């Protein structure tokens, strides 16, 4: 009797799957990282050239340095001198008035023009470009010189006033009016926040206004209850940028006063006083301390804005 062997039912062992090595998986990623670092390299180089003077100014703020002799460490003497510096108090006063008067007026003008342009008028691109142009030119030397001529003794403003029999003052050389001339220039350069306001207004859904109109809400109620809450993040953004820019004003005061801050210190902005201390009186140590004080002031106002924003800035979430 013959015995037959049953065929084996064991499945053939599959061939091991080909593993992709770590090098194979990581090569595209490493290539992307290298490309990113190459593109970031100019920024890192620029950061290096920023950190070096940044650290140097921090060191000089605690020294007596006149650009000729070696710095002499004096500790906190520069900061103690600020407590009795009347010129510094005047610079803070001028910069404060310029900021807290000019910034609200500029933002109001920007918002008003943006609301007008948001009505869908013809030639919107043309008007938007025309209103934005002053923001590009407002800080230039030529525009400040033009403003000085317009408000001069024989300028256009006094010529218009003379036509109505009014003897206009000397706007530029009178301490009572000189800062007002620069505030008017600041308000005139409302184009940049206006463009941002206009972009924000165009993002507000029209259905909100339609629903409010059906409910009988007036235009003013729609503005207060719909436009301003939804536009508050844009207003906050413009406010922060405008405050920082105003606190660092220099060119307007320098050109209008000839670099002196006159008449009688009425245009002595903080940055102009810093420049006078560092590059006219050659007290670079004290000027460095002033620069760090300005940094702290800007940081304080910026932080205050962010802290207060939670009470009046509304986001979708």
C-alpha atoms as a PDB file:
ATOM      1  CA  UNK A   1       0.000   0.000   0.000  1.00  0.00           C
ATOM      2  CA  UNK A   2       1.519   3.145  -1.099  1.00  0.00           C
ATOM      3  CA  UNK A   3       1.508   6.254   1.008  1.00  0.00           C
ATOM      4  CA  UNK A   4       1.087   9.644  -0.681  1.00  0.00           C
ATOM      5  CA  UNK A   5       2.258  12.878   0.865  1.00  0.00           C
ATOM      6  CA  UNK A   6      -0.293  15.741   0.954  1.00  0.00           C
ATOM      7  CA  UNK A   7       0.849  18.953  -0.648  1.00  0.00           C
ATOM      8  CA  UNK A   8       1.969  21.633   1.792  1.00  0.00           C
ATOM      9  CA  UNK A   9      -0.610  24.365   2.455  1.00  0.00           C
ATOM     10  CA  UNK A  10       1.898  26.829   3.884  1.00  0.00           C
ATOM     11  CA  UNK A  11       1.714  30.162   1.977  1.00  0.00           C
ATOM     12  CA  UNK A  12       4.930  31.282   0.449  1.00  0.00           C
ATOM     13  CA  UNK A  13       6.770  33.828   2.499  1.00  0.00           C
ATOM     14  CA  UNK A  14       6.355  37.265   0.816  1.00  0.00           C
ATOM     15  CA  UNK A  15       9.444  39.130  -0.073  1.00  0.00           C
ATOM     16  CA  UNK A  16      10.341  41.784   2.511  1.00  0.00           C
ATOM     17  CA  UNK A  17       9.069  45.234   1.614  1.00  0.00           C
ATOM     18  CA  UNK A  18      11.692  47.626   0.407  1.00  0.00           C
ATOM     19  CA  UNK A  19      12.318  50.148   3.131  1.00  0.00           C
ATOM     20  CA  UNK A  20      12.886  53.730   2.277  1.00  0.00           C
ATOM     21  CA  UNK A  21      15.910  54.891   4.104  1.00  0.00           C
ATOM     22  CA  UNK A  22      15.910  57.873   6.367  1.00  0.00           C
ATOM     23  CA  UNK A  23      18.115  59.649   3.917  1.00  0.00           C
ATOM     24  CA  UNK A  24      15.594  59.022   1.169  1.00  0.00           C
ATOM     25  CA  UNK A  25      12.715  60.362   3.234  1.00  0.00           C
ATOM     26  CA  UNK A  26      14.555  63.405   4.554  1.00  0.00           C
ATOM     27  CA  UNK A  27      16.267  64.603   1.421  1.00  0.00           C
ATOM     28  CA  UNK A  28      13.369  66.733   0.051  1.00  0.00           C
ATOM     29  CA  UNK A  29      12.735  68.148   3.505  1.00  0.00           C
ATOM     30  CA  UNK A  30      16.380  69.033   4.032  1.00  0.00           C
ATOM     31  CA  UNK A  31      16.442  70.638   0.624  1.00  0.00           C
ATOM     32  CA  UNK A  32      13.457  72.781   1.548  1.00  0.00           C
ATOM     33  CA  UNK A  33      15.119  73.755   4.813  1.00  0.00           C
ATOM     34  CA  UNK A  34      18.295  74.757   2.993  1.00  0.00           C
ATOM     35  CA  UNK A  35      16.276  76.865   0.563  1.00  0.00           C
ATOM     36  CA  UNK A  36      14.477  78.544   3.458  1.00  0.00           C
ATOM     37  CA  UNK A  37      17.756  79.374   5.214  1.00  0.00           C
ATOM     38  CA  UNK A  38      19.194  80.762   1.985  1.00  0.00           C
ATOM     39  CA  UNK A  39      16.228  83.104   1.606  1.00  0.00           C
ATOM     40  CA  UNK A  40      16.438  84.075   5.296  1.00  0.00           C
ATOM     41  CA  UNK A  41      20.178  84.732   5.113  1.00  0.00           C
ATOM     42  CA  UNK A  42      19.834  88.436   4.106  1.00  0.00           C
ATOM     43  CA  UNK A  43      17.511  88.967   7.079  1.00  0.00           C
ATOM     44  CA  UNK A  44      19.980  87.329   9.468  1.00  0.00           C
ATOM     45  CA  UNK A  45      22.795  89.510   8.084  1.00  0.00           C
ATOM     46  CA  UNK A  46      20.618  92.592   8.536  1.00  0.00           C
ATOM     47  CA  UNK A  47      19.772  91.485  12.076  1.00  0.00           C
ATOM     48  CA  UNK A  48      23.475  91.233  12.850  1.00  0.00           C
ATOM     49  CA  UNK A  49      24.060  94.781  11.665  1.00  0.00           C
ATOM     50  CA  UNK A  50      21.104  95.869  13.817  1.00  0.00           C
ATOM     51  CA  UNK A  51      22.116  94.069  17.007  1.00  0.00           C
ATOM     52  CA  UNK A  52      25.648  95.506  16.996  1.00  0.00           C
ATOM     53  CA  UNK A  53      24.592  99.203  17.155  1.00  0.00           C
ATOM     54  CA  UNK A  54      21.718  98.166  19.402  1.00  0.00           C
ATOM     55  CA  UNK A  55      24.139  96.805  21.967  1.00  0.00           C
ATOM     56  CA  UNK A  56      26.579  99.682  21.442  1.00  0.00           C
ATOM     57  CA  UNK A  57      23.891 102.275  22.175  1.00  0.00           C
ATOM     58  CA  UNK A  58      22.915 100.399  25.338  1.00  0.00           C
ATOM     59  CA  UNK A  59      26.526 100.536  26.527  1.00  0.00           C
ATOM     60  CA  UNK A  60      26.964 104.206  25.555  1.00  0.00           C
ATOM     61  CA  UNK A  61      23.811 105.135  27.489  1.00  0.00           C
ATOM     62  CA  UNK A  62      25.804 104.534  30.676  1.00  0.00           C
ATOM     63  CA  UNK A  63      28.885 106.465  29.558  1.00  0.00           C
ATOM     64  CA  UNK A  64      30.135 109.979  28.936  1.00  0.00           C
ATOM     65  CA  UNK A  65      31.098 109.939  25.258  1.00  0.00           C
ATOM     66  CA  UNK A  66      31.721 112.879  22.920  1.00  0.00           C
ATOM     67  CA  UNK A  67      32.735 111.022  19.714  1.00  0.00           C
ATOM     68  CA  UNK A  68      36.373 112.029  20.221  1.00  0.00           C
ATOM     69  CA  UNK A  69      37.565 110.617  23.535  1.00  0.00           C
ATOM     70  CA  UNK A  70      37.007 107.068  24.711  1.00  0.00           C
ATOM     71  CA  UNK A  71      33.698 106.377  26.495  1.00  0.00           C
ATOM     72  CA  UNK A  72      33.856 106.938  30.252  1.00  0.00           C
ATOM     73  CA  UNK A  73      31.538 104.766  32.356  1.00  0.00           C
ATOM     74  CA  UNK A  74      29.311 106.954  34.558  1.00  0.00           C
ATOM     75  CA  UNK A  75      26.535 104.549  35.482  1.00  0.00           C
ATOM     76  CA  UNK A  76      23.042 106.052  35.773  1.00  0.00           C
ATOM     77  CA  UNK A  77      24.161 109.691  35.609  1.00  0.00           C
ATOM     78  CA  UNK A  78      22.651 110.222  32.148  1.00  0.00           C
ATOM     79  CA  UNK A  79      19.266 108.976  33.307  1.00  0.00           C
ATOM     80  CA  UNK A  80      19.441 111.053  36.486  1.00  0.00           C
ATOM     81  CA  UNK A  81      20.180 114.140  34.387  1.00  0.00           C
ATOM     82  CA  UNK A  82      16.890 113.614  32.546  1.00  0.00           C
ATOM     83  CA  UNK A  83      14.960 114.340  35.734  1.00  0.00           C
ATOM     84  CA  UNK A  84      16.116 117.979  35.709  1.00  0.00           C
ATOM     85  CA  UNK A  85      16.436 118.526  31.947  1.00  0.00           C
ATOM     86  CA  UNK A  86      13.995 121.285  30.993  1.00  0.00           C
ATOM     87  CA  UNK A  87      14.679 120.853  27.276  1.00  0.00           C
ATOM     88  CA  UNK A  88      13.699 117.208  27.583  1.00  0.00           C
ATOM     89  CA  UNK A  89      10.436 118.183  29.269  1.00  0.00           C
ATOM     90  CA  UNK A  90       9.740 120.616  26.436  1.00  0.00           C
ATOM     91  CA  UNK A  91      10.478 117.921  23.854  1.00  0.00           C
ATOM     92  CA  UNK A  92       8.119 115.516  25.613  1.00  0.00           C
ATOM     93  CA  UNK A  93       5.442 118.200  25.756  1.00  0.00           C
ATOM     94  CA  UNK A  94       5.726 119.082  22.058  1.00  0.00           C
ATOM     95  CA  UNK A  95       5.772 115.439  20.977  1.00  0.00           C
ATOM     96  CA  UNK A  96       2.823 114.640  23.241  1.00  0.00           C
ATOM     97  CA  UNK A  97       0.679 117.481  21.868  1.00  0.00           C
ATOM     98  CA  UNK A  98       1.607 116.572  18.307  1.00  0.00           C
ATOM     99  CA  UNK A  99       0.735 112.916  18.893  1.00  0.00           C
ATOM    100  CA  UNK A 100      -2.473 113.196  20.897  1.00  0.00           C
ATOM    101  CA  UNK A 101      -3.916 115.941  18.693  1.00  0.00           C
ATOM    102  CA  UNK A 102      -2.584 114.945  15.286  1.00  0.00           C
ATOM    103  CA  UNK A 103      -3.233 111.200  15.447  1.00  0.00           C
ATOM    104  CA  UNK A 104      -6.982 111.382  16.267  1.00  0.00           C
ATOM    105  CA  UNK A 105      -7.542 114.113  13.666  1.00  0.00           C
ATOM    106  CA  UNK A 106      -5.633 112.140  11.043  1.00  0.00           C
ATOM    107  CA  UNK A 107      -7.575 108.938  11.753  1.00  0.00           C
ATOM    108  CA  UNK A 108     -10.892 110.807  11.693  1.00  0.00           C
ATOM    109  CA  UNK A 109     -10.020 112.346   8.320  1.00  0.00           C
ATOM    110  CA  UNK A 110      -8.924 108.950   6.988  1.00  0.00           C
ATOM    111  CA  UNK A 111     -12.104 107.240   8.179  1.00  0.00           C
ATOM    112  CA  UNK A 112     -14.325 110.013   6.802  1.00  0.00           C
ATOM    113  CA  UNK A 113     -12.768 109.883   3.347  1.00  0.00           C
ATOM    114  CA  UNK A 114     -12.848 106.060   3.363  1.00  0.00           C
ATOM    115  CA  UNK A 115     -16.574 106.110   4.167  1.00  0.00           C
ATOM    116  CA  UNK A 116     -17.159 108.551   1.316  1.00  0.00           C
ATOM    117  CA  UNK A 117     -15.161 106.472  -1.162  1.00  0.00           C
ATOM    118  CA  UNK A 118     -16.921 103.291  -0.052  1.00  0.00           C
ATOM    119  CA  UNK A 119     -20.173 104.530  -1.584  1.00  0.00           C
ATOM    120  CA  UNK A 120     -19.136 103.130  -4.948  1.00  0.00           C
ATOM    121  CA  UNK A 121     -18.347 106.401  -6.715  1.00  0.00           C
ATOM    122  CA  UNK A 122     -16.993 106.400 -10.219  1.00  0.00           C
ATOM    123  CA  UNK A 123     -13.223 106.633 -10.618  1.00  0.00           C
ATOM    124  CA  UNK A 124     -12.540 105.048  -7.226  1.00  0.00           C
ATOM    125  CA  UNK A 125      -9.026 103.968  -8.194  1.00  0.00           C
ATOM    126  CA  UNK A 126      -8.162 107.520  -9.222  1.00  0.00           C
ATOM    127  CA  UNK A 127      -9.425 109.075  -5.977  1.00  0.00           C
ATOM    128  CA  UNK A 128      -7.754 106.383  -3.892  1.00  0.00           C
ATOM    129  CA  UNK A 129      -4.402 107.109  -5.542  1.00  0.00           C
ATOM    130  CA  UNK A 130      -4.825 110.883  -5.159  1.00  0.00           C
ATOM    131  CA  UNK A 131      -5.643 110.643  -1.454  1.00  0.00           C
ATOM    132  CA  UNK A 132      -2.841 108.152  -0.839  1.00  0.00           C
ATOM    133  CA  UNK A 133      -0.176 110.319  -2.486  1.00  0.00           C
ATOM    134  CA  UNK A 134       0.284 112.707   0.500  1.00  0.00           C
ATOM    135  CA  UNK A 135       1.279 109.755   2.689  1.00  0.00           C
ATOM    136  CA  UNK A 136       4.202 109.085   0.367  1.00  0.00           C
ATOM    137  CA  UNK A 137       5.300 112.726   0.245  1.00  0.00           C
ATOM    138  CA  UNK A 138       4.315 114.097   3.661  1.00  0.00           C
ATOM    139  CA  UNK A 139       7.593 113.210   5.367  1.00  0.00           C
ATOM    140  CA  UNK A 140       9.804 114.525   2.568  1.00  0.00           C
ATOM    141  CA  UNK A 141      11.898 117.654   2.813  1.00  0.00           C
ATOM    142  CA  UNK A 142      10.251 119.199  -0.256  1.00  0.00           C
ATOM    143  CA  UNK A 143       6.733 118.986   1.180  1.00  0.00           C
ATOM    144  CA  UNK A 144       7.817 120.495   4.511  1.00  0.00           C
ATOM    145  CA  UNK A 145       9.465 123.353   2.617  1.00  0.00           C
ATOM    146  CA  UNK A 146       6.252 123.794   0.631  1.00  0.00           C
ATOM    147  CA  UNK A 147       4.249 123.841   3.856  1.00  0.00           C
ATOM    148  CA  UNK A 148       6.650 126.443   5.241  1.00  0.00           C
ATOM    149  CA  UNK A 149       6.014 128.608   2.208  1.00  0.00           C
ATOM    150  CA  UNK A 150       2.223 128.156   2.329  1.00  0.00           C
ATOM    151  CA  UNK A 151       2.095 129.287   5.965  1.00  0.00           C
ATOM    152  CA  UNK A 152       4.798 131.955   5.640  1.00  0.00           C
ATOM    153  CA  UNK A 153       4.249 135.685   6.068  1.00  0.00           C
ATOM    154  CA  UNK A 154       3.631 136.084   2.336  1.00  0.00           C
ATOM    155  CA  UNK A 155       2.197 132.605   1.889  1.00  0.00           C
ATOM    156  CA  UNK A 156      -1.032 131.397   0.385  1.00  0.00           C
ATOM    157  CA  UNK A 157      -2.888 131.180   3.707  1.00  0.00           C
ATOM    158  CA  UNK A 158      -2.232 134.816   4.589  1.00  0.00           C
ATOM    159  CA  UNK A 159      -3.039 135.848   1.010  1.00  0.00           C
ATOM    160  CA  UNK A 160      -6.478 134.225   1.320  1.00  0.00           C
ATOM    161  CA  UNK A 161      -7.029 135.839   4.704  1.00  0.00           C
ATOM    162  CA  UNK A 162      -5.958 139.229   3.316  1.00  0.00           C
ATOM    163  CA  UNK A 163      -8.580 138.865   0.564  1.00  0.00           C
ATOM    164  CA  UNK A 164     -11.222 138.881   3.299  1.00  0.00           C
ATOM    165  CA  UNK A 165      -9.537 141.756   5.129  1.00  0.00           C
ATOM    166  CA  UNK A 166      -7.913 139.632   7.817  1.00  0.00           C
ATOM    167  CA  UNK A 167      -4.310 140.221   8.794  1.00  0.00           C
ATOM    168  CA  UNK A 168      -2.923 136.719   9.250  1.00  0.00           C
ATOM    169  CA  UNK A 169      -0.229 135.949  11.821  1.00  0.00           C
ATOM    170  CA  UNK A 170       3.263 134.702  11.112  1.00  0.00           C
ATOM    171  CA  UNK A 171       2.315 131.053  11.364  1.00  0.00           C
ATOM    172  CA  UNK A 172       5.803 129.566  11.130  1.00  0.00           C
ATOM    173  CA  UNK A 173       7.752 132.034  13.270  1.00  0.00           C
ATOM    174  CA  UNK A 174       5.130 132.459  15.991  1.00  0.00           C
ATOM    175  CA  UNK A 175       5.491 129.929  18.867  1.00  0.00           C
ATOM    176  CA  UNK A 176       1.737 129.988  19.292  1.00  0.00           C
ATOM    177  CA  UNK A 177       1.061 128.616  15.805  1.00  0.00           C
ATOM    178  CA  UNK A 178       4.233 126.813  14.655  1.00  0.00           C
ATOM    179  CA  UNK A 179       3.239 123.426  16.067  1.00  0.00           C
ATOM    180  CA  UNK A 180      -0.259 123.798  14.601  1.00  0.00           C
ATOM    181  CA  UNK A 181       1.314 124.099  11.157  1.00  0.00           C
ATOM    182  CA  UNK A 182       3.021 120.732  11.605  1.00  0.00           C
ATOM    183  CA  UNK A 183      -0.143 119.140  13.004  1.00  0.00           C
ATOM    184  CA  UNK A 184      -2.016 120.268   9.889  1.00  0.00           C
ATOM    185  CA  UNK A 185       0.695 118.653   7.771  1.00  0.00           C
ATOM    186  CA  UNK A 186       0.311 115.441   9.755  1.00  0.00           C
ATOM    187  CA  UNK A 187      -3.457 115.428   9.253  1.00  0.00           C
ATOM    188  CA  UNK A 188      -2.964 116.030   5.525  1.00  0.00           C
ATOM    189  CA  UNK A 189      -1.011 112.766   5.241  1.00  0.00           C
ATOM    190  CA  UNK A 190      -3.995 110.556   6.075  1.00  0.00           C
ATOM    191  CA  UNK A 191      -3.788 108.524   2.862  1.00  0.00           C
ATOM    192  CA  UNK A 192      -2.179 105.372   4.238  1.00  0.00           C
ATOM    193  CA  UNK A 193      -4.736 104.682   7.013  1.00  0.00           C
ATOM    194  CA  UNK A 194      -7.490 105.731   4.595  1.00  0.00           C
ATOM    195  CA  UNK A 195      -6.573 102.960   2.160  1.00  0.00           C
ATOM    196  CA  UNK A 196      -6.527 100.434   5.021  1.00  0.00           C
ATOM    197  CA  UNK A 197      -9.891 101.674   6.310  1.00  0.00           C
ATOM    198  CA  UNK A 198     -11.343 101.394   2.813  1.00  0.00           C
ATOM    199  CA  UNK A 199     -10.142  97.808   2.504  1.00  0.00           C
ATOM    200  CA  UNK A 200     -11.741  96.983   5.852  1.00  0.00           C
ATOM    201  CA  UNK A 201     -15.048  98.613   4.909  1.00  0.00           C
ATOM    202  CA  UNK A 202     -15.254  96.539   1.741  1.00  0.00           C
ATOM    203  CA  UNK A 203     -14.970  93.348   3.824  1.00  0.00           C
ATOM    204  CA  UNK A 204     -18.118  94.085   5.854  1.00  0.00           C
ATOM    205  CA  UNK A 205     -21.020  91.994   4.453  1.00  0.00           C
ATOM    206  CA  UNK A 206     -23.785  94.158   2.978  1.00  0.00           C
ATOM    207  CA  UNK A 207     -26.437  91.852   4.422  1.00  0.00           C
ATOM    208  CA  UNK A 208     -25.821  93.312   7.898  1.00  0.00           C
ATOM    209  CA  UNK A 209     -26.827  96.756   6.697  1.00  0.00           C
ATOM    210  CA  UNK A 210     -29.815  95.377   4.812  1.00  0.00           C
ATOM    211  CA  UNK A 211     -31.083  93.577   7.920  1.00  0.00           C
ATOM    212  CA  UNK A 212     -30.566  96.699  10.026  1.00  0.00           C
ATOM    213  CA  UNK A 213     -32.479  98.810   7.500  1.00  0.00           C
ATOM    214  CA  UNK A 214     -35.399  96.387   7.591  1.00  0.00           C
ATOM    215  CA  UNK A 215     -35.419  96.679  11.387  1.00  0.00           C
ATOM    216  CA  UNK A 216     -35.598 100.465  11.055  1.00  0.00           C
ATOM    217  CA  UNK A 217     -32.039 101.323  12.141  1.00  0.00           C
ATOM    218  CA  UNK A 218     -30.850 104.777  11.120  1.00  0.00           C
ATOM    219  CA  UNK A 219     -27.587 105.435   9.297  1.00  0.00           C
ATOM    220  CA  UNK A 220     -25.970 106.565  12.525  1.00  0.00           C
ATOM    221  CA  UNK A 221     -27.155 103.444  14.373  1.00  0.00           C
ATOM    222  CA  UNK A 222     -25.787 101.260  11.571  1.00  0.00           C
ATOM    223  CA  UNK A 223     -22.451 103.063  11.789  1.00  0.00           C
ATOM    224  CA  UNK A 224     -22.224 102.679  15.567  1.00  0.00           C
ATOM    225  CA  UNK A 225     -23.543  99.110  15.823  1.00  0.00           C
ATOM    226  CA  UNK A 226     -22.202  97.538  12.632  1.00  0.00           C
ATOM    227  CA  UNK A 227     -19.437  99.553  11.002  1.00  0.00           C
ATOM    228  CA  UNK A 228     -17.367 100.498  14.028  1.00  0.00           C
ATOM    229  CA  UNK A 229     -17.389  97.085  15.792  1.00  0.00           C
ATOM    230  CA  UNK A 230     -16.456  95.245  12.602  1.00  0.00           C
ATOM    231  CA  UNK A 231     -13.896  97.907  11.703  1.00  0.00           C
ATOM    232  CA  UNK A 232     -12.347  98.048  15.193  1.00  0.00           C
ATOM    233  CA  UNK A 233      -9.413  95.681  14.352  1.00  0.00           C
ATOM    234  CA  UNK A 234      -8.501  97.957  11.433  1.00  0.00           C
ATOM    235  CA  UNK A 235      -8.813 101.032  13.656  1.00  0.00           C
ATOM    236  CA  UNK A 236      -6.596  99.389  16.256  1.00  0.00           C
ATOM    237  CA  UNK A 237      -3.961  98.577  13.638  1.00  0.00           C
ATOM    238  CA  UNK A 238      -3.947 102.134  12.278  1.00  0.00           C
ATOM    239  CA  UNK A 239      -3.864 103.582  15.792  1.00  0.00           C
ATOM    240  CA  UNK A 240      -0.796 101.598  16.823  1.00  0.00           C
ATOM    241  CA  UNK A 241       1.123 102.495  13.657  1.00  0.00           C
ATOM    242  CA  UNK A 242       0.127 106.161  13.856  1.00  0.00           C
ATOM    243  CA  UNK A 243       1.187 106.474  17.503  1.00  0.00           C
ATOM    244  CA  UNK A 244       4.570 104.878  16.893  1.00  0.00           C
ATOM    245  CA  UNK A 245       5.184 107.053  13.831  1.00  0.00           C
ATOM    246  CA  UNK A 246       4.156 110.280  15.576  1.00  0.00           C
ATOM    247  CA  UNK A 247       6.364 109.632  18.588  1.00  0.00           C
ATOM    248  CA  UNK A 248       9.344 109.313  16.216  1.00  0.00           C
ATOM    249  CA  UNK A 249       8.676 112.495  14.211  1.00  0.00           C
ATOM    250  CA  UNK A 250      11.872 114.262  13.161  1.00  0.00           C
ATOM    251  CA  UNK A 251      12.002 115.619   9.601  1.00  0.00           C
ATOM    252  CA  UNK A 252       9.088 118.045   9.886  1.00  0.00           C
ATOM    253  CA  UNK A 253      10.427 119.783  12.983  1.00  0.00           C
ATOM    254  CA  UNK A 254      13.998 119.818  11.724  1.00  0.00           C
ATOM    255  CA  UNK A 255      13.165 121.440   8.374  1.00  0.00           C
ATOM    256  CA  UNK A 256      10.604 123.923   9.697  1.00  0.00           C
ATOM    257  CA  UNK A 257      12.874 125.156  12.499  1.00  0.00           C
ATOM    258  CA  UNK A 258      16.195 124.824  10.707  1.00  0.00           C
ATOM    259  CA  UNK A 259      17.337 122.158  13.156  1.00  0.00           C
ATOM    260  CA  UNK A 260      16.854 124.293  16.273  1.00  0.00           C
ATOM    261  CA  UNK A 261      13.378 123.302  17.433  1.00  0.00           C
ATOM    262  CA  UNK A 262      12.298 126.942  17.391  1.00  0.00           C
ATOM    263  CA  UNK A 263      10.689 129.299  17.669  1.00  0.00           C
ATOM    264  CA  UNK A 264      11.108 129.133  21.463  1.00  0.00           C
ATOM    265  CA  UNK A 265      11.162 125.344  21.450  1.00  0.00           C
ATOM    266  CA  UNK A 266       7.646 125.102  19.985  1.00  0.00           C
ATOM    267  CA  UNK A 267       8.750 122.480  17.408  1.00  0.00           C
ATOM    268  CA  UNK A 268      11.356 120.707  19.550  1.00  0.00           C
ATOM    269  CA  UNK A 269      10.296 117.119  18.929  1.00  0.00           C
ATOM    270  CA  UNK A 270      11.847 114.328  20.966  1.00  0.00           C
ATOM    271  CA  UNK A 271      13.859 112.910  18.074  1.00  0.00           C
ATOM    272  CA  UNK A 272      15.039 116.400  17.140  1.00  0.00           C
ATOM    273  CA  UNK A 273      16.263 116.980  20.681  1.00  0.00           C
ATOM    274  CA  UNK A 274      18.034 113.615  20.562  1.00  0.00           C
ATOM    275  CA  UNK A 275      19.728 114.691  17.333  1.00  0.00           C
ATOM    276  CA  UNK A 276      20.792 118.028  18.851  1.00  0.00           C
ATOM    277  CA  UNK A 277      22.339 116.307  21.855  1.00  0.00           C
ATOM    278  CA  UNK A 278      24.171 113.707  19.794  1.00  0.00           C
ATOM    279  CA  UNK A 279      25.281 115.539  16.656  1.00  0.00           C
ATOM    280  CA  UNK A 280      25.333 119.228  17.619  1.00  0.00           C
ATOM    281  CA  UNK A 281      26.428 119.096  21.248  1.00  0.00           C
ATOM    282  CA  UNK A 282      28.311 115.805  20.705  1.00  0.00           C
ATOM    283  CA  UNK A 283      26.994 114.292  23.927  1.00  0.00           C
ATOM    284  CA  UNK A 284      26.541 110.866  22.440  1.00  0.00           C
ATOM    285  CA  UNK A 285      26.210 109.128  25.794  1.00  0.00           C
ATOM    286  CA  UNK A 286      23.249 111.280  26.802  1.00  0.00           C
ATOM    287  CA  UNK A 287      21.752 110.932  23.320  1.00  0.00           C
ATOM    288  CA  UNK A 288      21.946 107.136  23.619  1.00  0.00           C
ATOM    289  CA  UNK A 289      20.159 107.323  26.956  1.00  0.00           C
ATOM    290  CA  UNK A 290      17.466 109.471  25.321  1.00  0.00           C
ATOM    291  CA  UNK A 291      17.083 106.869  22.577  1.00  0.00           C
ATOM    292  CA  UNK A 292      16.474 104.137  25.148  1.00  0.00           C
ATOM    293  CA  UNK A 293      13.975 106.327  26.957  1.00  0.00           C
ATOM    294  CA  UNK A 294      12.113 106.785  23.670  1.00  0.00           C
ATOM    295  CA  UNK A 295      12.119 103.016  23.162  1.00  0.00           C
ATOM    296  CA  UNK A 296      10.564 102.551  26.585  1.00  0.00           C
ATOM    297  CA  UNK A 297       7.934 105.236  25.882  1.00  0.00           C
ATOM    298  CA  UNK A 298       6.969 103.640  22.563  1.00  0.00           C
ATOM    299  CA  UNK A 299       6.856 100.193  24.176  1.00  0.00           C
ATOM    300  CA  UNK A 300       4.706 101.523  27.021  1.00  0.00           C
ATOM    301  CA  UNK A 301       2.128 103.113  24.707  1.00  0.00           C
ATOM    302  CA  UNK A 302       2.075 100.053  22.457  1.00  0.00           C
ATOM    303  CA  UNK A 303       1.572  97.715  25.405  1.00  0.00           C
ATOM    304  CA  UNK A 304      -1.181  99.980  26.763  1.00  0.00           C
ATOM    305  CA  UNK A 305      -2.948  99.854  23.409  1.00  0.00           C
ATOM    306  CA  UNK A 306      -2.838  96.061  23.347  1.00  0.00           C
ATOM    307  CA  UNK A 307      -4.091  95.830  26.922  1.00  0.00           C
ATOM    308  CA  UNK A 308      -6.976  98.244  26.286  1.00  0.00           C
ATOM    309  CA  UNK A 309      -7.876  96.632  22.969  1.00  0.00           C
ATOM    310  CA  UNK A 310      -9.703  93.801  24.712  1.00  0.00           C
ATOM    311  CA  UNK A 311     -12.390  96.297  25.770  1.00  0.00           C
ATOM    312  CA  UNK A 312     -13.139  97.850  22.382  1.00  0.00           C
ATOM    313  CA  UNK A 313     -11.680  95.684  19.596  1.00  0.00           C
ATOM    314  CA  UNK A 314     -14.042  92.982  18.358  1.00  0.00           C
ATOM    315  CA  UNK A 315     -13.052  89.952  16.309  1.00  0.00           C
ATOM    316  CA  UNK A 316     -15.231  87.338  14.634  1.00  0.00           C
ATOM    317  CA  UNK A 317     -14.506  84.793  17.349  1.00  0.00           C
END
